[in-house]
Amino acid sequence: MEDIKSRVMAALEKIRPYLVADGGDIKLVDVTEDFIVKVQLTGACHGCPFSMQTLKAGVEMAVKKDVPEIIEVVEVD
């Protein structure tokens, strides 16, 4: 599971600059045993009306591309 977690972190690092450029950021909270990635959007991304679109169309696609075992990326508080 540590391998999966480190690969997810690497995928998040690739997209982090795009979020930071818009005044936001992302934090990995957990990767569950059933391959659900839990993240926290921070800064301008937290509460943004487009955050769900960013999460699904941006973050989730990027993570799944690099770590195909992942089922879903969800935001948690």
PDB file of N, CA and C in Angstrom:
ATOM      1  N   MET A   1       0.819  -1.204   0.000  1.00  0.00           N
ATOM      2  CA  MET A   1       0.000   0.000   0.000  1.00  0.00           C
ATOM      3  C   MET A   1       0.861   1.265   0.000  1.00  0.00           C
ATOM      4  N   GLU A   2       2.038   1.190   0.602  1.00  0.00           N
ATOM      5  CA  GLU A   2       2.936   2.354   0.615  1.00  0.00           C
ATOM      6  C   GLU A   2       3.357   2.740  -0.804  1.00  0.00           C
ATOM      7  N   ASP A   3       3.528   1.732  -1.674  1.00  0.00           N
ATOM      8  CA  ASP A   3       3.885   1.998  -3.066  1.00  0.00           C
ATOM      9  C   ASP A   3       2.780   2.790  -3.755  1.00  0.00           C
ATOM     10  N   ILE A   4       1.542   2.383  -3.524  1.00  0.00           N
ATOM     11  CA  ILE A   4       0.392   3.084  -4.113  1.00  0.00           C
ATOM     12  C   ILE A   4       0.366   4.519  -3.606  1.00  0.00           C
ATOM     13  N   LYS A   5       0.540   4.687  -2.300  1.00  0.00           N
ATOM     14  CA  LYS A   5       0.499   6.020  -1.695  1.00  0.00           C
ATOM     15  C   LYS A   5       1.590   6.927  -2.287  1.00  0.00           C
ATOM     16  N   SER A   6       2.787   6.390  -2.450  1.00  0.00           N
ATOM     17  CA  SER A   6       3.874   7.221  -2.992  1.00  0.00           C
ATOM     18  C   SER A   6       3.620   7.552  -4.463  1.00  0.00           C
ATOM     19  N   ARG A   7       3.012   6.643  -5.203  1.00  0.00           N
ATOM     20  CA  ARG A   7       2.679   6.933  -6.605  1.00  0.00           C
ATOM     21  C   ARG A   7       1.571   7.980  -6.698  1.00  0.00           C
ATOM     22  N   VAL A   8       0.602   7.923  -5.781  1.00  0.00           N
ATOM     23  CA  VAL A   8      -0.450   8.942  -5.739  1.00  0.00           C
ATOM     24  C   VAL A   8       0.165  10.304  -5.416  1.00  0.00           C
ATOM     25  N   MET A   9       1.072  10.340  -4.434  1.00  0.00           N
ATOM     26  CA  MET A   9       1.750  11.597  -4.075  1.00  0.00           C
ATOM     27  C   MET A   9       2.489  12.177  -5.279  1.00  0.00           C
ATOM     28  N   ALA A  10       3.178  11.319  -6.035  1.00  0.00           N
ATOM     29  CA  ALA A  10       3.908  11.775  -7.224  1.00  0.00           C
ATOM     30  C   ALA A  10       2.945  12.355  -8.255  1.00  0.00           C
ATOM     31  N   ALA A  11       1.789  11.726  -8.436  1.00  0.00           N
ATOM     32  CA  ALA A  11       0.785  12.235  -9.372  1.00  0.00           C
ATOM     33  C   ALA A  11       0.253  13.587  -8.918  1.00  0.00           C
ATOM     34  N   LEU A  12       0.017  13.728  -7.612  1.00  0.00           N
ATOM     35  CA  LEU A  12      -0.466  15.009  -7.082  1.00  0.00           C
ATOM     36  C   LEU A  12       0.579  16.106  -7.254  1.00  0.00           C
ATOM     37  N   GLU A  13       1.847  15.749  -7.096  1.00  0.00           N
ATOM     38  CA  GLU A  13       2.924  16.738  -7.276  1.00  0.00           C
ATOM     39  C   GLU A  13       2.953  17.278  -8.698  1.00  0.00           C
ATOM     40  N   LYS A  14       2.578  16.456  -9.671  1.00  0.00           N
ATOM     41  CA  LYS A  14       2.557  16.896 -11.075  1.00  0.00           C
ATOM     42  C   LYS A  14       1.495  17.959 -11.320  1.00  0.00           C
ATOM     43  N   ILE A  15       0.355  17.837 -10.631  1.00  0.00           N
ATOM     44  CA  ILE A  15      -0.725  18.794 -10.877  1.00  0.00           C
ATOM     45  C   ILE A  15      -0.759  19.945  -9.877  1.00  0.00           C
ATOM     46  N   ARG A  16      -0.007  19.816  -8.803  1.00  0.00           N
ATOM     47  CA  ARG A  16       0.027  20.862  -7.771  1.00  0.00           C
ATOM     48  C   ARG A  16       0.340  22.257  -8.349  1.00  0.00           C
ATOM     49  N   PRO A  17       1.315  22.413  -9.261  1.00  0.00           N
ATOM     50  CA  PRO A  17       1.616  23.755  -9.776  1.00  0.00           C
ATOM     51  C   PRO A  17       0.411  24.458 -10.405  1.00  0.00           C
ATOM     52  N   TYR A  18      -0.484  23.710 -11.034  1.00  0.00           N
ATOM     53  CA  TYR A  18      -1.671  24.311 -11.651  1.00  0.00           C
ATOM     54  C   TYR A  18      -2.635  24.828 -10.590  1.00  0.00           C
ATOM     55  N   LEU A  19      -2.759  24.086  -9.500  1.00  0.00           N
ATOM     56  CA  LEU A  19      -3.629  24.529  -8.410  1.00  0.00           C
ATOM     57  C   LEU A  19      -3.033  25.736  -7.698  1.00  0.00           C
ATOM     58  N   VAL A  20      -1.726  25.684  -7.455  1.00  0.00           N
ATOM     59  CA  VAL A  20      -1.035  26.788  -6.780  1.00  0.00           C
ATOM     60  C   VAL A  20      -1.112  28.068  -7.624  1.00  0.00           C
ATOM     61  N   ALA A  21      -1.037  27.926  -8.943  1.00  0.00           N
ATOM     62  CA  ALA A  21      -1.117  29.089  -9.835  1.00  0.00           C
ATOM     63  C   ALA A  21      -2.457  29.805  -9.687  1.00  0.00           C
ATOM     64  N   ASP A  22      -3.493  29.074  -9.288  1.00  0.00           N
ATOM     65  CA  ASP A  22      -4.808  29.675  -9.076  1.00  0.00           C
ATOM     66  C   ASP A  22      -5.065  30.016  -7.610  1.00  0.00           C
ATOM     67  N   GLY A  23      -4.026  29.936  -6.777  1.00  0.00           N
ATOM     68  CA  GLY A  23      -4.156  30.312  -5.377  1.00  0.00           C
ATOM     69  C   GLY A  23      -4.626  29.188  -4.464  1.00  0.00           C
ATOM     70  N   GLY A  24      -4.601  27.961  -4.961  1.00  0.00           N
ATOM     71  CA  GLY A  24      -5.054  26.826  -4.156  1.00  0.00           C
ATOM     72  C   GLY A  24      -3.939  25.821  -3.935  1.00  0.00           C
ATOM     73  N   ASP A  25      -4.313  24.689  -3.389  1.00  0.00           N
ATOM     74  CA  ASP A  25      -3.363  23.595  -3.179  1.00  0.00           C
ATOM     75  C   ASP A  25      -4.165  22.339  -2.875  1.00  0.00           C
ATOM     76  N   ILE A  26      -3.465  21.227  -2.767  1.00  0.00           N
ATOM     77  CA  ILE A  26      -4.110  19.950  -2.478  1.00  0.00           C
ATOM     78  C   ILE A  26      -3.258  19.179  -1.486  1.00  0.00           C
ATOM     79  N   LYS A  27      -3.928  18.471  -0.588  1.00  0.00           N
ATOM     80  CA  LYS A  27      -3.237  17.696   0.438  1.00  0.00           C
ATOM     81  C   LYS A  27      -3.791  16.275   0.419  1.00  0.00           C
ATOM     82  N   LEU A  28      -2.912  15.293   0.377  1.00  0.00           N
ATOM     83  CA  LEU A  28      -3.333  13.902   0.455  1.00  0.00           C
ATOM     84  C   LEU A  28      -3.677  13.579   1.900  1.00  0.00           C
ATOM     85  N   VAL A  29      -4.896  13.099   2.125  1.00  0.00           N
ATOM     86  CA  VAL A  29      -5.340  12.726   3.463  1.00  0.00           C
ATOM     87  C   VAL A  29      -5.121  11.233   3.685  1.00  0.00           C
ATOM     88  N   ASP A  30      -5.541  10.420   2.696  1.00  0.00           N
ATOM     89  CA  ASP A  30      -5.439   8.977   2.863  1.00  0.00           C
ATOM     90  C   ASP A  30      -5.668   8.272   1.532  1.00  0.00           C
ATOM     91  N   VAL A  31      -5.181   7.051   1.455  1.00  0.00           N
ATOM     92  CA  VAL A  31      -5.546   6.127   0.388  1.00  0.00           C
ATOM     93  C   VAL A  31      -6.101   4.905   1.111  1.00  0.00           C
ATOM     94  N   THR A  32      -7.372   4.611   0.877  1.00  0.00           N
ATOM     95  CA  THR A  32      -8.020   3.530   1.608  1.00  0.00           C
ATOM     96  C   THR A  32      -7.651   2.170   1.030  1.00  0.00           C
ATOM     97  N   GLU A  33      -7.984   1.132   1.774  1.00  0.00           N
ATOM     98  CA  GLU A  33      -7.721  -0.243   1.342  1.00  0.00           C
ATOM     99  C   GLU A  33      -8.455  -0.592   0.058  1.00  0.00           C
ATOM    100  N   ASP A  34      -9.600   0.088  -0.191  1.00  0.00           N
ATOM    101  CA  ASP A  34     -10.342  -0.170  -1.421  1.00  0.00           C
ATOM    102  C   ASP A  34     -10.011   0.850  -2.518  1.00  0.00           C
ATOM    103  N   PHE A  35      -8.819   1.448  -2.413  1.00  0.00           N
ATOM    104  CA  PHE A  35      -8.239   2.307  -3.447  1.00  0.00           C
ATOM    105  C   PHE A  35      -9.038   3.581  -3.735  1.00  0.00           C
ATOM    106  N   ILE A  36      -9.551   4.192  -2.690  1.00  0.00           N
ATOM    107  CA  ILE A  36     -10.170   5.510  -2.770  1.00  0.00           C
ATOM    108  C   ILE A  36      -9.155   6.512  -2.224  1.00  0.00           C
ATOM    109  N   VAL A  37      -8.877   7.547  -3.000  1.00  0.00           N
ATOM    110  CA  VAL A  37      -7.942   8.589  -2.569  1.00  0.00           C
ATOM    111  C   VAL A  37      -8.753   9.712  -1.930  1.00  0.00           C
ATOM    112  N   LYS A  38      -8.387  10.063  -0.708  1.00  0.00           N
ATOM    113  CA  LYS A  38      -9.039  11.158   0.002  1.00  0.00           C
ATOM    114  C   LYS A  38      -8.087  12.346   0.026  1.00  0.00           C
ATOM    115  N   VAL A  39      -8.575  13.485  -0.455  1.00  0.00           N
ATOM    116  CA  VAL A  39      -7.750  14.690  -0.512  1.00  0.00           C
ATOM    117  C   VAL A  39      -8.500  15.852   0.119  1.00  0.00           C
ATOM    118  N   GLN A  40      -7.733  16.881   0.419  1.00  0.00           N
ATOM    119  CA  GLN A  40      -8.279  18.133   0.930  1.00  0.00           C
ATOM    120  C   GLN A  40      -7.828  19.239  -0.024  1.00  0.00           C
ATOM    121  N   LEU A  41      -8.781  19.977  -0.555  1.00  0.00           N
ATOM    122  CA  LEU A  41      -8.450  21.141  -1.362  1.00  0.00           C
ATOM    123  C   LEU A  41      -8.331  22.331  -0.414  1.00  0.00           C
ATOM    124  N   THR A  42      -7.289  23.133  -0.596  1.00  0.00           N
ATOM    125  CA  THR A  42      -7.048  24.253   0.310  1.00  0.00           C
ATOM    126  C   THR A  42      -6.894  25.542  -0.479  1.00  0.00           C
ATOM    127  N   GLY A  43      -6.785  26.636   0.248  1.00  0.00           N
ATOM    128  CA  GLY A  43      -6.615  27.940  -0.390  1.00  0.00           C
ATOM    129  C   GLY A  43      -7.835  28.296  -1.219  1.00  0.00           C
ATOM    130  N   ALA A  44      -7.599  28.883  -2.386  1.00  0.00           N
ATOM    131  CA  ALA A  44      -8.693  29.320  -3.255  1.00  0.00           C
ATOM    132  C   ALA A  44      -9.520  28.145  -3.770  1.00  0.00           C
ATOM    133  N   CYS A  45      -8.946  26.953  -3.794  1.00  0.00           N
ATOM    134  CA  CYS A  45      -9.676  25.770  -4.286  1.00  0.00           C
ATOM    135  C   CYS A  45     -10.766  25.334  -3.307  1.00  0.00           C
ATOM    136  N   HIS A  46     -10.541  25.565  -2.013  1.00  0.00           N
ATOM    137  CA  HIS A  46     -11.522  25.164  -1.006  1.00  0.00           C
ATOM    138  C   HIS A  46     -12.767  26.030  -1.127  1.00  0.00           C
ATOM    139  N   GLY A  47     -13.885  25.404  -1.433  1.00  0.00           N
ATOM    140  CA  GLY A  47     -15.134  26.151  -1.532  1.00  0.00           C
ATOM    141  C   GLY A  47     -15.368  26.816  -2.872  1.00  0.00           C
ATOM    142  N   CYS A  48     -14.445  26.667  -3.798  1.00  0.00           N
ATOM    143  CA  CYS A  48     -14.616  27.255  -5.131  1.00  0.00           C
ATOM    144  C   CYS A  48     -15.755  26.534  -5.849  1.00  0.00           C
ATOM    145  N   PRO A  49     -16.595  27.274  -6.585  1.00  0.00           N
ATOM    146  CA  PRO A  49     -17.708  26.633  -7.299  1.00  0.00           C
ATOM    147  C   PRO A  49     -17.237  25.583  -8.323  1.00  0.00           C
ATOM    148  N   PHE A  50     -16.013  25.697  -8.781  1.00  0.00           N
ATOM    149  CA  PHE A  50     -15.494  24.766  -9.775  1.00  0.00           C
ATOM    150  C   PHE A  50     -14.642  23.658  -9.158  1.00  0.00           C
ATOM    151  N   SER A  51     -14.600  23.590  -7.834  1.00  0.00           N
ATOM    152  CA  SER A  51     -13.711  22.619  -7.183  1.00  0.00           C
ATOM    153  C   SER A  51     -14.065  21.172  -7.524  1.00  0.00           C
ATOM    154  N   MET A  52     -15.345  20.845  -7.658  1.00  0.00           N
ATOM    155  CA  MET A  52     -15.724  19.470  -7.994  1.00  0.00           C
ATOM    156  C   MET A  52     -15.269  19.125  -9.410  1.00  0.00           C
ATOM    157  N   GLN A  53     -15.384  20.079 -10.318  1.00  0.00           N
ATOM    158  CA  GLN A  53     -14.908  19.867 -11.688  1.00  0.00           C
ATOM    159  C   GLN A  53     -13.392  19.693 -11.700  1.00  0.00           C
ATOM    160  N   THR A  54     -12.695  20.521 -10.944  1.00  0.00           N
ATOM    161  CA  THR A  54     -11.242  20.402 -10.830  1.00  0.00           C
ATOM    162  C   THR A  54     -10.868  19.048 -10.256  1.00  0.00           C
ATOM    163  N   LEU A  55     -11.596  18.622  -9.237  1.00  0.00           N
ATOM    164  CA  LEU A  55     -11.307  17.358  -8.572  1.00  0.00           C
ATOM    165  C   LEU A  55     -11.497  16.180  -9.521  1.00  0.00           C
ATOM    166  N   LYS A  56     -12.617  16.135 -10.226  1.00  0.00           N
ATOM    167  CA  LYS A  56     -12.935  14.981 -11.071  1.00  0.00           C
ATOM    168  C   LYS A  56     -12.221  15.037 -12.422  1.00  0.00           C
ATOM    169  N   ALA A  57     -12.279  16.177 -13.100  1.00  0.00           N
ATOM    170  CA  ALA A  57     -11.713  16.274 -14.447  1.00  0.00           C
ATOM    171  C   ALA A  57     -10.206  16.502 -14.434  1.00  0.00           C
ATOM    172  N   GLY A  58      -9.693  17.040 -13.347  1.00  0.00           N
ATOM    173  CA  GLY A  58      -8.259  17.303 -13.278  1.00  0.00           C
ATOM    174  C   GLY A  58      -7.524  16.317 -12.395  1.00  0.00           C
ATOM    175  N   VAL A  59      -7.790  16.397 -11.111  1.00  0.00           N
ATOM    176  CA  VAL A  59      -7.056  15.596 -10.124  1.00  0.00           C
ATOM    177  C   VAL A  59      -7.306  14.103 -10.328  1.00  0.00           C
ATOM    178  N   GLU A  60      -8.580  13.703 -10.378  1.00  0.00           N
ATOM    179  CA  GLU A  60      -8.884  12.271 -10.484  1.00  0.00           C
ATOM    180  C   GLU A  60      -8.308  11.671 -11.777  1.00  0.00           C
ATOM    181  N   MET A  61      -8.454  12.377 -12.885  1.00  0.00           N
ATOM    182  CA  MET A  61      -7.919  11.852 -14.150  1.00  0.00           C
ATOM    183  C   MET A  61      -6.404  11.700 -14.094  1.00  0.00           C
ATOM    184  N   ALA A  62      -5.724  12.684 -13.524  1.00  0.00           N
ATOM    185  CA  ALA A  62      -4.259  12.631 -13.437  1.00  0.00           C
ATOM    186  C   ALA A  62      -3.797  11.494 -12.538  1.00  0.00           C
ATOM    187  N   VAL A  63      -4.479  11.316 -11.420  1.00  0.00           N
ATOM    188  CA  VAL A  63      -4.101  10.251 -10.484  1.00  0.00           C
ATOM    189  C   VAL A  63      -4.355   8.885 -11.117  1.00  0.00           C
ATOM    190  N   LYS A  64      -5.519   8.703 -11.726  1.00  0.00           N
ATOM    191  CA  LYS A  64      -5.852   7.415 -12.352  1.00  0.00           C
ATOM    192  C   LYS A  64      -4.911   7.090 -13.515  1.00  0.00           C
ATOM    193  N   LYS A  65      -4.461   8.105 -14.208  1.00  0.00           N
ATOM    194  CA  LYS A  65      -3.529   7.888 -15.322  1.00  0.00           C
ATOM    195  C   LYS A  65      -2.224   7.295 -14.804  1.00  0.00           C
ATOM    196  N   ASP A  66      -1.724   7.842 -13.706  1.00  0.00           N
ATOM    197  CA  ASP A  66      -0.447   7.385 -13.141  1.00  0.00           C
ATOM    198  C   ASP A  66      -0.595   6.178 -12.218  1.00  0.00           C
ATOM    199  N   VAL A  67      -1.765   6.029 -11.622  1.00  0.00           N
ATOM    200  CA  VAL A  67      -2.007   4.928 -10.672  1.00  0.00           C
ATOM    201  C   VAL A  67      -3.359   4.291 -11.035  1.00  0.00           C
ATOM    202  N   PRO A  68      -3.376   3.432 -12.051  1.00  0.00           N
ATOM    203  CA  PRO A  68      -4.643   2.887 -12.547  1.00  0.00           C
ATOM    204  C   PRO A  68      -5.426   2.051 -11.523  1.00  0.00           C
ATOM    205  N   GLU A  69      -4.784   1.643 -10.448  1.00  0.00           N
ATOM    206  CA  GLU A  69      -5.481   0.878  -9.401  1.00  0.00           C
ATOM    207  C   GLU A  69      -6.527   1.726  -8.664  1.00  0.00           C
ATOM    208  N   ILE A  70      -6.364   3.045  -8.710  1.00  0.00           N
ATOM    209  CA  ILE A  70      -7.248   3.943  -7.969  1.00  0.00           C
ATOM    210  C   ILE A  70      -8.650   3.937  -8.590  1.00  0.00           C
ATOM    211  N   ILE A  71      -9.645   3.820  -7.731  1.00  0.00           N
ATOM    212  CA  ILE A  71     -11.048   3.775  -8.151  1.00  0.00           C
ATOM    213  C   ILE A  71     -11.639   5.185  -8.264  1.00  0.00           C
ATOM    214  N   GLU A  72     -11.326   6.023  -7.263  1.00  0.00           N
ATOM    215  CA  GLU A  72     -11.949   7.343  -7.191  1.00  0.00           C
ATOM    216  C   GLU A  72     -11.125   8.270  -6.325  1.00  0.00           C
ATOM    217  N   VAL A  73     -11.242   9.571  -6.594  1.00  0.00           N
ATOM    218  CA  VAL A  73     -10.638  10.598  -5.747  1.00  0.00           C
ATOM    219  C   VAL A  73     -11.794  11.412  -5.163  1.00  0.00           C
ATOM    220  N   VAL A  74     -11.822  11.544  -3.833  1.00  0.00           N
ATOM    221  CA  VAL A  74     -12.886  12.286  -3.173  1.00  0.00           C
ATOM    222  C   VAL A  74     -12.285  13.356  -2.270  1.00  0.00           C
ATOM    223  N   GLU A  75     -13.075  14.411  -2.068  1.00  0.00           N
ATOM    224  CA  GLU A  75     -12.633  15.485  -1.163  1.00  0.00           C
ATOM    225  C   GLU A  75     -13.225  15.247   0.217  1.00  0.00           C
ATOM    226  N   VAL A  76     -12.402  15.449   1.230  1.00  0.00           N
ATOM    227  CA  VAL A  76     -12.855  15.358   2.619  1.00  0.00           C
ATOM    228  C   VAL A  76     -12.494  16.645   3.340  1.00  0.00           C
ATOM    229  N   ASP A  77     -13.207  16.919   4.432  1.00  0.00           N
ATOM    230  CA  ASP A  77     -12.900  18.134   5.229  1.00  0.00           C
ATOM    231  C   ASP A  77     -11.968  17.807   6.356  1.00  0.00           C
TER     232      ASP A  77
END
